[in-house]
Amino acid sequence: MRNRISAFALTLLTSTALAMAQSASQPAKGLDSQATLRIAKAVQKAIYTLPNYGVFDDIHFAIQGDTIILRGEGSRPTLKSSAENVVKKIEGVSAVKNEIEVLPLSPNDDRLRAAVYVRIYSNSVLQKYTSNRGAGARLWNSRTSRLTGITNDPPVGYHAIHIIVKNGHVSLRGAVDNESDSAIAEMQANTTPGVFSVENNLYVVNAPKEK
């Protein structure tokens, strides 16, 4: 639970900071920093609590005045419209520019999502980053080489490490406690059969400070 709260808080903080930084270069249209912060927190919460937002999606945003720009990737077309619908209802938001990319519908990418998920969340070191605690191994069907509930019905629960797959290429997003865990996650994804490349975009909470 501690890891869940810290990772969520960190992602909220970094997303909010990014949104405020990007909004600072645009006309504020009457919004002060407190209003911008309130809107940023509300947007982040609205996205994170979407029932169809899961481990195979990654959505972030920017604020330009009273306009929200949604960016990132969604594994299902419904997520793009769902995110826009909840964000445009937030008080103080006058417009939403939806730049979320809907990932290709690909059986091979679906297989890779399943395989990378199992490789990462069945690892004893990385199980602390999900509320499922290793459920991936139990979900895997060795006979059909499939994970029950991929893309259209992804694994439920909290996942600090998100797995974005596009045309065989994998990107890891989210936050982990230390560089060792980040390296293990990258190695687990890299050694998954069929993966073309892995881009490690995990934020390290306790990264060594530069001297």
N, C-alpha and C. Protein backbone atom coordinates (compact mmCIF):
# COMPACT_ATOMS: atom_id res chain seq x y z
N MET A 1 0.83 -1.20 0.00
CA MET A 1 0.00 0.00 0.00
C MET A 1 0.87 1.26 0.00
N ARG A 2 2.00 1.20 0.74
CA ARG A 2 2.88 2.36 0.78
C ARG A 2 3.43 2.66 -0.61
N ASN A 3 3.83 1.61 -1.33
CA ASN A 3 4.34 1.80 -2.68
C ASN A 3 3.27 2.35 -3.60
N ARG A 4 2.03 1.86 -3.43
CA ARG A 4 0.94 2.33 -4.27
C ARG A 4 0.72 3.82 -4.07
N ILE A 5 0.68 4.24 -2.80
CA ILE A 5 0.42 5.65 -2.51
C ILE A 5 1.56 6.53 -2.99
N SER A 6 2.80 6.10 -2.73
CA SER A 6 3.94 6.93 -3.12
C SER A 6 4.04 7.06 -4.62
N ALA A 7 3.83 5.96 -5.36
CA ALA A 7 3.91 6.02 -6.82
C ALA A 7 2.80 6.88 -7.39
N PHE A 8 1.59 6.74 -6.86
CA PHE A 8 0.47 7.55 -7.34
C PHE A 8 0.73 9.02 -7.06
N ALA A 9 1.21 9.32 -5.85
CA ALA A 9 1.48 10.71 -5.49
C ALA A 9 2.59 11.29 -6.36
N LEU A 10 3.59 10.48 -6.64
CA LEU A 10 4.70 10.95 -7.47
C LEU A 10 4.22 11.26 -8.89
N THR A 11 3.44 10.35 -9.46
CA THR A 11 2.94 10.57 -10.81
C THR A 11 2.04 11.79 -10.86
N LEU A 12 1.21 11.96 -9.85
CA LEU A 12 0.35 13.13 -9.78
C LEU A 12 1.19 14.40 -9.69
N LEU A 13 2.24 14.37 -8.86
CA LEU A 13 3.09 15.54 -8.68
C LEU A 13 3.80 15.90 -9.97
N THR A 14 4.40 14.91 -10.65
CA THR A 14 5.14 15.19 -11.87
C THR A 14 4.21 15.64 -12.99
N SER A 15 3.05 15.01 -13.10
CA SER A 15 2.10 15.42 -14.14
C SER A 15 1.59 16.82 -13.89
N THR A 16 1.31 17.13 -12.62
CA THR A 16 0.83 18.45 -12.27
C THR A 16 1.89 19.50 -12.53
N ALA A 17 3.13 19.19 -12.18
CA ALA A 17 4.22 20.14 -12.41
C ALA A 17 4.42 20.39 -13.89
N LEU A 18 4.34 19.33 -14.69
CA LEU A 18 4.48 19.47 -16.14
C LEU A 18 3.35 20.32 -16.70
N ALA A 19 2.15 20.04 -16.25
CA ALA A 19 1.00 20.79 -16.75
C ALA A 19 1.12 22.27 -16.41
N MET A 20 1.57 22.56 -15.19
CA MET A 20 1.71 23.96 -14.78
C MET A 20 2.83 24.64 -15.54
N ALA A 21 3.91 23.91 -15.78
CA ALA A 21 5.03 24.49 -16.52
C ALA A 21 4.62 24.81 -17.95
N GLN A 22 3.86 23.91 -18.55
CA GLN A 22 3.43 24.15 -19.92
C GLN A 22 2.39 25.26 -20.00
N SER A 23 1.58 25.38 -18.97
CA SER A 23 0.55 26.41 -18.98
C SER A 23 1.14 27.79 -18.77
N ALA A 24 2.32 27.84 -18.14
CA ALA A 24 2.91 29.13 -17.82
C ALA A 24 3.30 29.92 -19.06
N SER A 25 3.55 29.20 -20.17
CA SER A 25 3.96 29.88 -21.40
C SER A 25 2.77 30.34 -22.23
N GLN A 26 1.56 30.05 -21.77
CA GLN A 26 0.37 30.41 -22.51
C GLN A 26 -0.45 31.44 -21.74
N PRO A 27 -1.27 32.24 -22.43
CA PRO A 27 -2.14 33.18 -21.72
C PRO A 27 -3.02 32.45 -20.72
N ALA A 28 -3.08 32.93 -19.51
CA ALA A 28 -3.77 32.22 -18.43
C ALA A 28 -5.28 32.35 -18.51
N LYS A 29 -5.78 33.33 -19.25
CA LYS A 29 -7.22 33.53 -19.39
C LYS A 29 -7.91 33.58 -18.03
N GLY A 30 -7.31 34.30 -17.10
CA GLY A 30 -7.94 34.50 -15.80
C GLY A 30 -7.66 33.44 -14.77
N LEU A 31 -6.93 32.37 -15.11
CA LEU A 31 -6.63 31.31 -14.16
C LEU A 31 -5.33 31.63 -13.43
N ASP A 32 -5.37 31.62 -12.09
CA ASP A 32 -4.14 31.81 -11.34
C ASP A 32 -3.51 30.44 -11.06
N SER A 33 -2.36 30.43 -10.38
CA SER A 33 -1.63 29.18 -10.16
C SER A 33 -2.43 28.19 -9.31
N GLN A 34 -3.20 28.70 -8.35
CA GLN A 34 -4.00 27.81 -7.52
C GLN A 34 -5.11 27.14 -8.32
N ALA A 35 -5.72 27.89 -9.20
CA ALA A 35 -6.77 27.33 -10.05
C ALA A 35 -6.18 26.31 -11.01
N THR A 36 -5.01 26.60 -11.54
CA THR A 36 -4.34 25.66 -12.44
C THR A 36 -4.01 24.37 -11.72
N LEU A 37 -3.51 24.49 -10.49
CA LEU A 37 -3.17 23.31 -9.69
C LEU A 37 -4.41 22.49 -9.39
N ARG A 38 -5.51 23.15 -9.06
CA ARG A 38 -6.76 22.44 -8.77
C ARG A 38 -7.24 21.68 -9.99
N ILE A 39 -7.18 22.33 -11.14
CA ILE A 39 -7.62 21.67 -12.38
C ILE A 39 -6.71 20.50 -12.71
N ALA A 40 -5.39 20.68 -12.54
CA ALA A 40 -4.45 19.61 -12.84
C ALA A 40 -4.72 18.38 -11.98
N LYS A 41 -4.96 18.60 -10.70
CA LYS A 41 -5.26 17.47 -9.80
C LYS A 41 -6.58 16.79 -10.20
N ALA A 42 -7.55 17.59 -10.56
CA ALA A 42 -8.85 17.03 -10.94
C ALA A 42 -8.75 16.23 -12.23
N VAL A 43 -7.96 16.71 -13.19
CA VAL A 43 -7.78 15.99 -14.44
C VAL A 43 -7.08 14.66 -14.19
N GLN A 44 -6.02 14.71 -13.39
CA GLN A 44 -5.27 13.48 -13.10
C GLN A 44 -6.16 12.44 -12.42
N LYS A 45 -6.94 12.88 -11.45
CA LYS A 45 -7.83 11.96 -10.75
C LYS A 45 -8.89 11.40 -11.69
N ALA A 46 -9.45 12.25 -12.54
CA ALA A 46 -10.49 11.80 -13.46
C ALA A 46 -9.96 10.72 -14.40
N ILE A 47 -8.73 10.88 -14.87
CA ILE A 47 -8.14 9.90 -15.79
C ILE A 47 -7.83 8.60 -15.05
N TYR A 48 -7.18 8.72 -13.88
CA TYR A 48 -6.74 7.53 -13.16
C TYR A 48 -7.90 6.67 -12.67
N THR A 49 -9.05 7.27 -12.47
CA THR A 49 -10.18 6.51 -11.95
C THR A 49 -11.12 6.02 -13.04
N LEU A 50 -10.77 6.24 -14.30
CA LEU A 50 -11.58 5.68 -15.39
C LEU A 50 -11.57 4.16 -15.31
N PRO A 51 -12.71 3.50 -15.38
CA PRO A 51 -12.74 2.04 -15.28
C PRO A 51 -12.02 1.33 -16.41
N ASN A 52 -11.86 2.01 -17.56
CA ASN A 52 -11.17 1.36 -18.69
C ASN A 52 -9.73 1.86 -18.87
N TYR A 53 -9.17 2.49 -17.82
CA TYR A 53 -7.77 2.90 -17.85
C TYR A 53 -6.97 1.87 -17.09
N GLY A 54 -5.99 1.24 -17.74
CA GLY A 54 -5.29 0.15 -17.09
C GLY A 54 -3.81 0.10 -17.37
N VAL A 55 -3.24 -1.05 -17.12
CA VAL A 55 -1.80 -1.26 -17.16
C VAL A 55 -1.23 -1.11 -18.57
N PHE A 56 -2.05 -1.23 -19.60
CA PHE A 56 -1.57 -1.13 -20.98
C PHE A 56 -1.84 0.24 -21.60
N ASP A 57 -2.14 1.22 -20.76
CA ASP A 57 -2.42 2.59 -21.21
C ASP A 57 -1.52 3.58 -20.48
N ASP A 58 -1.30 4.72 -21.10
CA ASP A 58 -0.56 5.80 -20.44
C ASP A 58 -1.05 7.13 -20.98
N ILE A 59 -1.74 7.88 -20.13
CA ILE A 59 -2.28 9.18 -20.55
C ILE A 59 -1.68 10.29 -19.69
N HIS A 60 -1.23 11.35 -20.32
CA HIS A 60 -0.78 12.53 -19.61
C HIS A 60 -1.42 13.75 -20.26
N PHE A 61 -1.13 14.92 -19.75
CA PHE A 61 -1.84 16.10 -20.24
C PHE A 61 -1.03 17.37 -20.04
N ALA A 62 -1.47 18.40 -20.71
CA ALA A 62 -0.91 19.74 -20.53
C ALA A 62 -2.07 20.71 -20.37
N ILE A 63 -1.79 21.84 -19.74
CA ILE A 63 -2.80 22.88 -19.55
C ILE A 63 -2.34 24.15 -20.25
N GLN A 64 -3.18 24.66 -21.14
CA GLN A 64 -2.91 25.93 -21.80
C GLN A 64 -4.10 26.84 -21.53
N GLY A 65 -3.92 27.72 -20.57
CA GLY A 65 -5.03 28.55 -20.14
C GLY A 65 -6.11 27.68 -19.53
N ASP A 66 -7.33 27.71 -20.10
CA ASP A 66 -8.40 26.86 -19.60
C ASP A 66 -8.69 25.70 -20.57
N THR A 67 -7.68 25.38 -21.40
CA THR A 67 -7.79 24.25 -22.32
C THR A 67 -6.89 23.10 -21.86
N ILE A 68 -7.42 21.89 -21.86
CA ILE A 68 -6.65 20.71 -21.50
C ILE A 68 -6.26 19.97 -22.77
N ILE A 69 -4.97 19.64 -22.88
CA ILE A 69 -4.48 18.85 -24.01
C ILE A 69 -4.17 17.45 -23.51
N LEU A 70 -4.91 16.47 -23.99
CA LEU A 70 -4.70 15.08 -23.59
C LEU A 70 -3.73 14.42 -24.55
N ARG A 71 -2.74 13.72 -23.99
CA ARG A 71 -1.74 13.04 -24.80
C ARG A 71 -1.48 11.65 -24.24
N GLY A 72 -0.70 10.87 -24.97
CA GLY A 72 -0.37 9.53 -24.51
C GLY A 72 -0.95 8.47 -25.42
N GLU A 73 -1.05 7.24 -24.90
CA GLU A 73 -1.52 6.11 -25.68
C GLU A 73 -2.59 5.33 -24.93
N GLY A 74 -3.55 4.84 -25.70
CA GLY A 74 -4.60 4.01 -25.14
C GLY A 74 -4.71 2.72 -25.93
N SER A 75 -4.86 1.61 -25.26
CA SER A 75 -4.92 0.32 -25.96
C SER A 75 -6.31 0.04 -26.52
N ARG A 76 -7.31 0.82 -26.09
CA ARG A 76 -8.68 0.62 -26.59
C ARG A 76 -9.26 1.96 -27.07
N PRO A 77 -9.97 1.94 -28.18
CA PRO A 77 -10.54 3.19 -28.71
C PRO A 77 -11.47 3.89 -27.72
N THR A 78 -12.17 3.13 -26.88
CA THR A 78 -13.12 3.73 -25.95
C THR A 78 -12.44 4.60 -24.91
N LEU A 79 -11.16 4.33 -24.63
CA LEU A 79 -10.46 5.10 -23.60
C LEU A 79 -10.26 6.54 -24.04
N LYS A 80 -9.99 6.75 -25.31
CA LYS A 80 -9.78 8.11 -25.82
C LYS A 80 -11.01 8.96 -25.60
N SER A 81 -12.16 8.46 -25.97
CA SER A 81 -13.40 9.23 -25.80
C SER A 81 -13.79 9.34 -24.33
N SER A 82 -13.54 8.29 -23.55
CA SER A 82 -13.88 8.33 -22.12
C SER A 82 -13.09 9.40 -21.39
N ALA A 83 -11.79 9.49 -21.70
CA ALA A 83 -10.94 10.49 -21.05
C ALA A 83 -11.41 11.90 -21.39
N GLU A 84 -11.73 12.13 -22.64
CA GLU A 84 -12.20 13.46 -23.04
C GLU A 84 -13.52 13.81 -22.35
N ASN A 85 -14.42 12.85 -22.27
CA ASN A 85 -15.74 13.11 -21.69
C ASN A 85 -15.67 13.49 -20.22
N VAL A 86 -14.78 12.84 -19.44
CA VAL A 86 -14.71 13.16 -18.01
C VAL A 86 -13.95 14.46 -17.78
N VAL A 87 -12.95 14.73 -18.59
CA VAL A 87 -12.14 15.94 -18.39
C VAL A 87 -12.92 17.20 -18.74
N LYS A 88 -13.73 17.16 -19.78
CA LYS A 88 -14.44 18.37 -20.20
C LYS A 88 -15.54 18.77 -19.21
N LYS A 89 -15.86 17.87 -18.26
CA LYS A 89 -16.87 18.18 -17.25
C LYS A 89 -16.27 18.85 -16.01
N ILE A 90 -14.94 18.94 -15.95
CA ILE A 90 -14.27 19.52 -14.78
C ILE A 90 -14.48 21.04 -14.76
N GLU A 91 -14.81 21.56 -13.61
CA GLU A 91 -15.02 22.99 -13.45
C GLU A 91 -13.76 23.77 -13.81
N GLY A 92 -13.91 24.77 -14.65
CA GLY A 92 -12.79 25.61 -15.07
C GLY A 92 -12.21 25.21 -16.40
N VAL A 93 -12.60 24.04 -16.92
CA VAL A 93 -12.12 23.59 -18.23
C VAL A 93 -13.12 24.01 -19.30
N SER A 94 -12.66 24.78 -20.26
CA SER A 94 -13.56 25.25 -21.31
C SER A 94 -13.43 24.45 -22.59
N ALA A 95 -12.28 23.81 -22.78
CA ALA A 95 -12.08 23.04 -24.01
C ALA A 95 -11.09 21.91 -23.76
N VAL A 96 -11.23 20.84 -24.55
CA VAL A 96 -10.31 19.70 -24.47
C VAL A 96 -9.80 19.39 -25.86
N LYS A 97 -8.48 19.37 -26.00
CA LYS A 97 -7.84 18.96 -27.26
C LYS A 97 -7.34 17.55 -27.07
N ASN A 98 -7.94 16.61 -27.77
CA ASN A 98 -7.67 15.19 -27.55
C ASN A 98 -6.64 14.68 -28.55
N GLU A 99 -5.39 14.50 -28.07
CA GLU A 99 -4.31 13.98 -28.91
C GLU A 99 -3.89 12.58 -28.48
N ILE A 100 -4.74 11.87 -27.75
CA ILE A 100 -4.43 10.51 -27.32
C ILE A 100 -4.34 9.60 -28.54
N GLU A 101 -3.28 8.84 -28.62
CA GLU A 101 -3.11 7.89 -29.72
C GLU A 101 -3.75 6.56 -29.36
N VAL A 102 -4.62 6.08 -30.23
CA VAL A 102 -5.19 4.74 -30.05
C VAL A 102 -4.23 3.74 -30.68
N LEU A 103 -3.72 2.82 -29.88
CA LEU A 103 -2.73 1.87 -30.36
C LEU A 103 -3.35 0.89 -31.36
N PRO A 104 -2.56 0.41 -32.32
CA PRO A 104 -3.09 -0.48 -33.36
C PRO A 104 -3.71 -1.75 -32.78
N LEU A 105 -4.77 -2.22 -33.40
CA LEU A 105 -5.37 -3.49 -33.02
C LEU A 105 -4.53 -4.60 -33.67
N SER A 106 -3.74 -5.28 -32.86
CA SER A 106 -2.79 -6.25 -33.38
C SER A 106 -2.76 -7.49 -32.49
N PRO A 107 -3.06 -8.65 -33.03
CA PRO A 107 -2.96 -9.90 -32.24
C PRO A 107 -1.56 -10.12 -31.69
N ASN A 108 -0.55 -9.75 -32.46
CA ASN A 108 0.82 -9.94 -31.98
C ASN A 108 1.11 -9.01 -30.81
N ASP A 109 0.69 -7.74 -30.90
CA ASP A 109 0.88 -6.81 -29.78
C ASP A 109 0.12 -7.29 -28.55
N ASP A 110 -1.06 -7.86 -28.76
CA ASP A 110 -1.84 -8.40 -27.65
C ASP A 110 -1.07 -9.52 -26.96
N ARG A 111 -0.47 -10.38 -27.77
CA ARG A 111 0.32 -11.48 -27.20
C ARG A 111 1.50 -10.94 -26.41
N LEU A 112 2.15 -9.90 -26.93
CA LEU A 112 3.30 -9.31 -26.25
C LEU A 112 2.88 -8.62 -24.95
N ARG A 113 1.71 -7.97 -24.95
CA ARG A 113 1.23 -7.36 -23.71
C ARG A 113 1.12 -8.44 -22.61
N ALA A 114 0.54 -9.56 -23.00
CA ALA A 114 0.38 -10.65 -22.05
C ALA A 114 1.72 -11.17 -21.56
N ALA A 115 2.62 -11.40 -22.51
CA ALA A 115 3.90 -12.00 -22.17
C ALA A 115 4.76 -11.07 -21.32
N VAL A 116 4.81 -9.78 -21.68
CA VAL A 116 5.60 -8.82 -20.91
C VAL A 116 4.99 -8.62 -19.52
N TYR A 117 3.67 -8.58 -19.45
CA TYR A 117 3.00 -8.45 -18.16
C TYR A 117 3.41 -9.58 -17.23
N VAL A 118 3.38 -10.80 -17.72
CA VAL A 118 3.74 -11.96 -16.90
C VAL A 118 5.21 -11.90 -16.51
N ARG A 119 6.07 -11.53 -17.45
CA ARG A 119 7.50 -11.46 -17.16
C ARG A 119 7.79 -10.45 -16.05
N ILE A 120 7.11 -9.32 -16.09
CA ILE A 120 7.38 -8.27 -15.10
C ILE A 120 6.73 -8.58 -13.76
N TYR A 121 5.44 -8.84 -13.77
CA TYR A 121 4.72 -8.92 -12.51
C TYR A 121 4.77 -10.29 -11.84
N SER A 122 5.39 -11.28 -12.50
CA SER A 122 5.66 -12.55 -11.84
C SER A 122 7.04 -12.55 -11.21
N ASN A 123 7.82 -11.51 -11.48
CA ASN A 123 9.15 -11.40 -10.87
C ASN A 123 9.01 -11.04 -9.40
N SER A 124 9.69 -11.77 -8.54
CA SER A 124 9.52 -11.59 -7.09
C SER A 124 9.90 -10.18 -6.63
N VAL A 125 10.86 -9.55 -7.29
CA VAL A 125 11.29 -8.20 -6.90
C VAL A 125 10.25 -7.17 -7.30
N LEU A 126 9.57 -7.40 -8.40
CA LEU A 126 8.66 -6.40 -8.95
C LEU A 126 7.21 -6.59 -8.53
N GLN A 127 6.91 -7.64 -7.81
CA GLN A 127 5.52 -7.89 -7.40
C GLN A 127 4.97 -6.81 -6.49
N LYS A 128 5.85 -6.08 -5.82
CA LYS A 128 5.39 -5.01 -4.92
C LYS A 128 4.76 -3.85 -5.69
N TYR A 129 4.94 -3.82 -7.01
CA TYR A 129 4.39 -2.72 -7.80
C TYR A 129 2.99 -3.00 -8.35
N THR A 130 2.37 -4.05 -7.87
CA THR A 130 0.99 -4.33 -8.25
C THR A 130 0.21 -4.86 -7.06
N SER A 131 -1.06 -4.51 -7.01
CA SER A 131 -1.92 -5.04 -5.96
C SER A 131 -2.27 -6.49 -6.23
N ASN A 132 -1.97 -7.01 -7.43
CA ASN A 132 -2.26 -8.40 -7.76
C ASN A 132 -1.27 -9.37 -7.13
N ARG A 133 -0.10 -8.88 -6.76
CA ARG A 133 0.93 -9.68 -6.10
C ARG A 133 1.20 -11.00 -6.81
N GLY A 134 1.64 -10.90 -8.05
CA GLY A 134 2.03 -12.09 -8.78
C GLY A 134 0.90 -12.83 -9.44
N ALA A 135 -0.29 -12.23 -9.51
CA ALA A 135 -1.43 -12.90 -10.11
C ALA A 135 -1.19 -13.19 -11.59
N GLY A 136 -0.26 -12.47 -12.21
CA GLY A 136 0.01 -12.69 -13.62
C GLY A 136 0.39 -14.12 -13.93
N ALA A 137 1.17 -14.72 -13.05
CA ALA A 137 1.58 -16.11 -13.27
C ALA A 137 0.38 -17.04 -13.25
N ARG A 138 -0.58 -16.76 -12.41
CA ARG A 138 -1.76 -17.61 -12.31
C ARG A 138 -2.72 -17.37 -13.47
N LEU A 139 -2.66 -16.16 -14.05
CA LEU A 139 -3.54 -15.85 -15.16
C LEU A 139 -3.05 -16.44 -16.48
N TRP A 140 -1.77 -16.77 -16.54
CA TRP A 140 -1.19 -17.23 -17.79
C TRP A 140 -1.67 -18.63 -18.14
N ASN A 141 -2.10 -18.80 -19.36
CA ASN A 141 -2.57 -20.09 -19.85
C ASN A 141 -1.47 -20.66 -20.75
N SER A 142 -0.70 -21.60 -20.24
CA SER A 142 0.44 -22.13 -20.99
C SER A 142 0.01 -22.89 -22.23
N ARG A 143 -1.21 -23.42 -22.24
CA ARG A 143 -1.67 -24.19 -23.38
C ARG A 143 -1.94 -23.29 -24.58
N THR A 144 -2.54 -22.13 -24.33
CA THR A 144 -2.89 -21.22 -25.43
C THR A 144 -1.92 -20.05 -25.54
N SER A 145 -0.96 -19.96 -24.60
CA SER A 145 0.00 -18.84 -24.58
C SER A 145 -0.73 -17.51 -24.55
N ARG A 146 -1.75 -17.43 -23.74
CA ARG A 146 -2.50 -16.19 -23.61
C ARG A 146 -2.73 -15.86 -22.15
N LEU A 147 -2.89 -14.58 -21.88
CA LEU A 147 -3.25 -14.12 -20.55
C LEU A 147 -4.73 -13.78 -20.56
N THR A 148 -5.47 -14.31 -19.63
CA THR A 148 -6.90 -14.06 -19.57
C THR A 148 -7.17 -12.57 -19.44
N GLY A 149 -7.98 -12.03 -20.34
CA GLY A 149 -8.40 -10.64 -20.21
C GLY A 149 -7.40 -9.62 -20.68
N ILE A 150 -6.85 -9.79 -21.90
CA ILE A 150 -5.88 -8.82 -22.40
C ILE A 150 -6.57 -7.79 -23.30
N THR A 151 -6.18 -6.55 -23.14
CA THR A 151 -6.64 -5.37 -23.88
C THR A 151 -8.12 -5.07 -23.64
N ASN A 152 -9.02 -5.88 -24.15
CA ASN A 152 -10.44 -5.59 -23.95
C ASN A 152 -10.87 -5.78 -22.50
N ASP A 153 -10.19 -6.62 -21.78
CA ASP A 153 -10.48 -6.86 -20.38
C ASP A 153 -9.16 -7.10 -19.65
N PRO A 154 -8.36 -6.04 -19.45
CA PRO A 154 -7.01 -6.20 -18.91
C PRO A 154 -7.01 -6.57 -17.44
N PRO A 155 -5.86 -7.01 -16.91
CA PRO A 155 -5.76 -7.34 -15.49
C PRO A 155 -6.17 -6.14 -14.63
N VAL A 156 -6.98 -6.39 -13.62
CA VAL A 156 -7.45 -5.32 -12.76
C VAL A 156 -6.44 -5.07 -11.65
N GLY A 157 -6.67 -4.02 -10.89
CA GLY A 157 -5.79 -3.71 -9.77
C GLY A 157 -4.79 -2.63 -10.11
N TYR A 158 -4.04 -2.23 -9.11
CA TYR A 158 -3.06 -1.16 -9.27
C TYR A 158 -1.78 -1.70 -9.90
N HIS A 159 -1.21 -0.96 -10.82
CA HIS A 159 0.07 -1.31 -11.46
C HIS A 159 0.91 -0.04 -11.56
N ALA A 160 2.05 -0.03 -10.88
CA ALA A 160 2.93 1.14 -10.95
C ALA A 160 3.71 1.18 -12.25
N ILE A 161 3.91 0.03 -12.87
CA ILE A 161 4.63 -0.05 -14.14
C ILE A 161 3.63 -0.31 -15.25
N HIS A 162 3.49 0.63 -16.15
CA HIS A 162 2.58 0.47 -17.28
C HIS A 162 3.36 -0.02 -18.49
N ILE A 163 2.71 -0.86 -19.29
CA ILE A 163 3.35 -1.53 -20.42
C ILE A 163 2.66 -1.07 -21.71
N ILE A 164 3.36 -0.28 -22.50
CA ILE A 164 2.81 0.23 -23.75
C ILE A 164 3.47 -0.54 -24.91
N VAL A 165 2.64 -1.18 -25.73
CA VAL A 165 3.14 -1.99 -26.84
C VAL A 165 2.59 -1.45 -28.15
N LYS A 166 3.50 -1.19 -29.09
CA LYS A 166 3.10 -0.71 -30.42
C LYS A 166 3.97 -1.35 -31.47
N ASN A 167 3.35 -2.18 -32.30
CA ASN A 167 4.06 -2.84 -33.41
C ASN A 167 5.30 -3.59 -32.94
N GLY A 168 5.18 -4.27 -31.82
CA GLY A 168 6.27 -5.09 -31.30
C GLY A 168 7.27 -4.36 -30.43
N HIS A 169 7.13 -3.04 -30.33
CA HIS A 169 8.04 -2.24 -29.51
C HIS A 169 7.37 -1.92 -28.16
N VAL A 170 8.13 -2.01 -27.11
CA VAL A 170 7.61 -1.86 -25.75
C VAL A 170 8.18 -0.61 -25.09
N SER A 171 7.31 0.12 -24.41
CA SER A 171 7.74 1.27 -23.61
C SER A 171 7.22 1.07 -22.19
N LEU A 172 8.10 1.20 -21.22
CA LEU A 172 7.72 1.06 -19.81
C LEU A 172 7.52 2.45 -19.22
N ARG A 173 6.38 2.67 -18.60
CA ARG A 173 6.05 3.98 -18.02
C ARG A 173 5.66 3.80 -16.56
N GLY A 174 5.79 4.86 -15.78
CA GLY A 174 5.38 4.81 -14.38
C GLY A 174 6.53 5.15 -13.46
N ALA A 175 6.49 4.64 -12.25
CA ALA A 175 7.50 4.97 -11.25
C ALA A 175 7.89 3.74 -10.45
N VAL A 176 9.19 3.63 -10.14
CA VAL A 176 9.70 2.56 -9.29
C VAL A 176 10.57 3.17 -8.21
N ASP A 177 10.88 2.37 -7.20
CA ASP A 177 11.59 2.88 -6.03
C ASP A 177 13.06 3.20 -6.29
N ASN A 178 13.73 2.37 -7.10
CA ASN A 178 15.17 2.53 -7.26
C ASN A 178 15.63 2.09 -8.65
N GLU A 179 16.90 2.38 -8.95
CA GLU A 179 17.44 2.08 -10.27
C GLU A 179 17.53 0.58 -10.53
N SER A 180 17.77 -0.19 -9.46
CA SER A 180 17.84 -1.64 -9.61
C SER A 180 16.51 -2.21 -10.11
N ASP A 181 15.41 -1.76 -9.52
CA ASP A 181 14.09 -2.24 -9.95
C ASP A 181 13.80 -1.82 -11.39
N SER A 182 14.23 -0.61 -11.76
CA SER A 182 14.05 -0.15 -13.13
C SER A 182 14.81 -1.04 -14.11
N ALA A 183 16.04 -1.41 -13.74
CA ALA A 183 16.86 -2.26 -14.61
C ALA A 183 16.27 -3.66 -14.73
N ILE A 184 15.72 -4.17 -13.63
CA ILE A 184 15.11 -5.50 -13.66
C ILE A 184 13.88 -5.50 -14.56
N ALA A 185 13.05 -4.46 -14.44
CA ALA A 185 11.86 -4.37 -15.29
C ALA A 185 12.25 -4.31 -16.76
N GLU A 186 13.28 -3.53 -17.07
CA GLU A 186 13.73 -3.42 -18.46
C GLU A 186 14.26 -4.77 -18.96
N MET A 187 15.02 -5.47 -18.12
CA MET A 187 15.57 -6.76 -18.51
C MET A 187 14.46 -7.78 -18.74
N GLN A 188 13.44 -7.79 -17.87
CA GLN A 188 12.33 -8.72 -18.01
C GLN A 188 11.59 -8.49 -19.33
N ALA A 189 11.39 -7.22 -19.66
CA ALA A 189 10.72 -6.91 -20.92
C ALA A 189 11.60 -7.26 -22.11
N ASN A 190 12.89 -6.97 -22.02
CA ASN A 190 13.82 -7.21 -23.12
C ASN A 190 13.97 -8.69 -23.45
N THR A 191 13.84 -9.53 -22.44
CA THR A 191 14.03 -10.97 -22.65
C THR A 191 12.73 -11.68 -22.99
N THR A 192 11.67 -10.93 -23.24
CA THR A 192 10.40 -11.52 -23.66
C THR A 192 10.48 -11.87 -25.14
N PRO A 193 10.26 -13.13 -25.51
CA PRO A 193 10.34 -13.52 -26.93
C PRO A 193 9.38 -12.71 -27.80
N GLY A 194 9.91 -12.21 -28.90
CA GLY A 194 9.08 -11.46 -29.85
C GLY A 194 9.15 -9.96 -29.70
N VAL A 195 9.72 -9.46 -28.61
CA VAL A 195 9.83 -8.02 -28.41
C VAL A 195 10.96 -7.46 -29.26
N PHE A 196 10.68 -6.43 -30.07
CA PHE A 196 11.69 -5.84 -30.94
C PHE A 196 12.63 -4.90 -30.19
N SER A 197 12.06 -4.08 -29.31
CA SER A 197 12.88 -3.13 -28.56
C SER A 197 12.13 -2.72 -27.29
N VAL A 198 12.88 -2.21 -26.33
CA VAL A 198 12.30 -1.75 -25.07
C VAL A 198 12.83 -0.35 -24.77
N GLU A 199 11.93 0.57 -24.52
CA GLU A 199 12.28 1.93 -24.10
C GLU A 199 11.88 2.08 -22.64
N ASN A 200 12.87 2.31 -21.81
CA ASN A 200 12.63 2.39 -20.36
C ASN A 200 12.40 3.85 -19.97
N ASN A 201 11.14 4.20 -19.75
CA ASN A 201 10.79 5.56 -19.33
C ASN A 201 10.31 5.59 -17.88
N LEU A 202 10.72 4.61 -17.09
CA LEU A 202 10.31 4.56 -15.69
C LEU A 202 11.01 5.67 -14.90
N TYR A 203 10.24 6.34 -14.05
CA TYR A 203 10.80 7.35 -13.16
C TYR A 203 11.30 6.66 -11.89
N VAL A 204 12.54 6.95 -11.50
CA VAL A 204 13.14 6.35 -10.31
C VAL A 204 12.98 7.33 -9.14
N VAL A 205 12.21 6.93 -8.14
CA VAL A 205 11.91 7.81 -7.02
C VAL A 205 13.15 8.15 -6.23
N ASN A 206 13.96 7.14 -5.93
CA ASN A 206 15.14 7.34 -5.10
C ASN A 206 16.42 7.33 -5.92
N ALA A 207 16.40 8.03 -7.03
CA ALA A 207 17.59 8.10 -7.87
C ALA A 207 18.69 8.88 -7.17
N PRO A 208 19.94 8.46 -7.32
CA PRO A 208 21.06 9.20 -6.70
C PRO A 208 21.11 10.64 -7.20
N LYS A 209 21.35 11.56 -6.30
CA LYS A 209 21.44 12.97 -6.68
C LYS A 209 22.78 13.25 -7.34
N GLU A 210 22.71 14.05 -8.41
CA GLU A 210 23.94 14.41 -9.09
C GLU A 210 24.74 15.39 -8.25
N LYS A 211 26.03 15.18 -8.21
CA LYS A 211 26.90 16.05 -7.43
C LYS A 211 27.29 17.29 -8.24
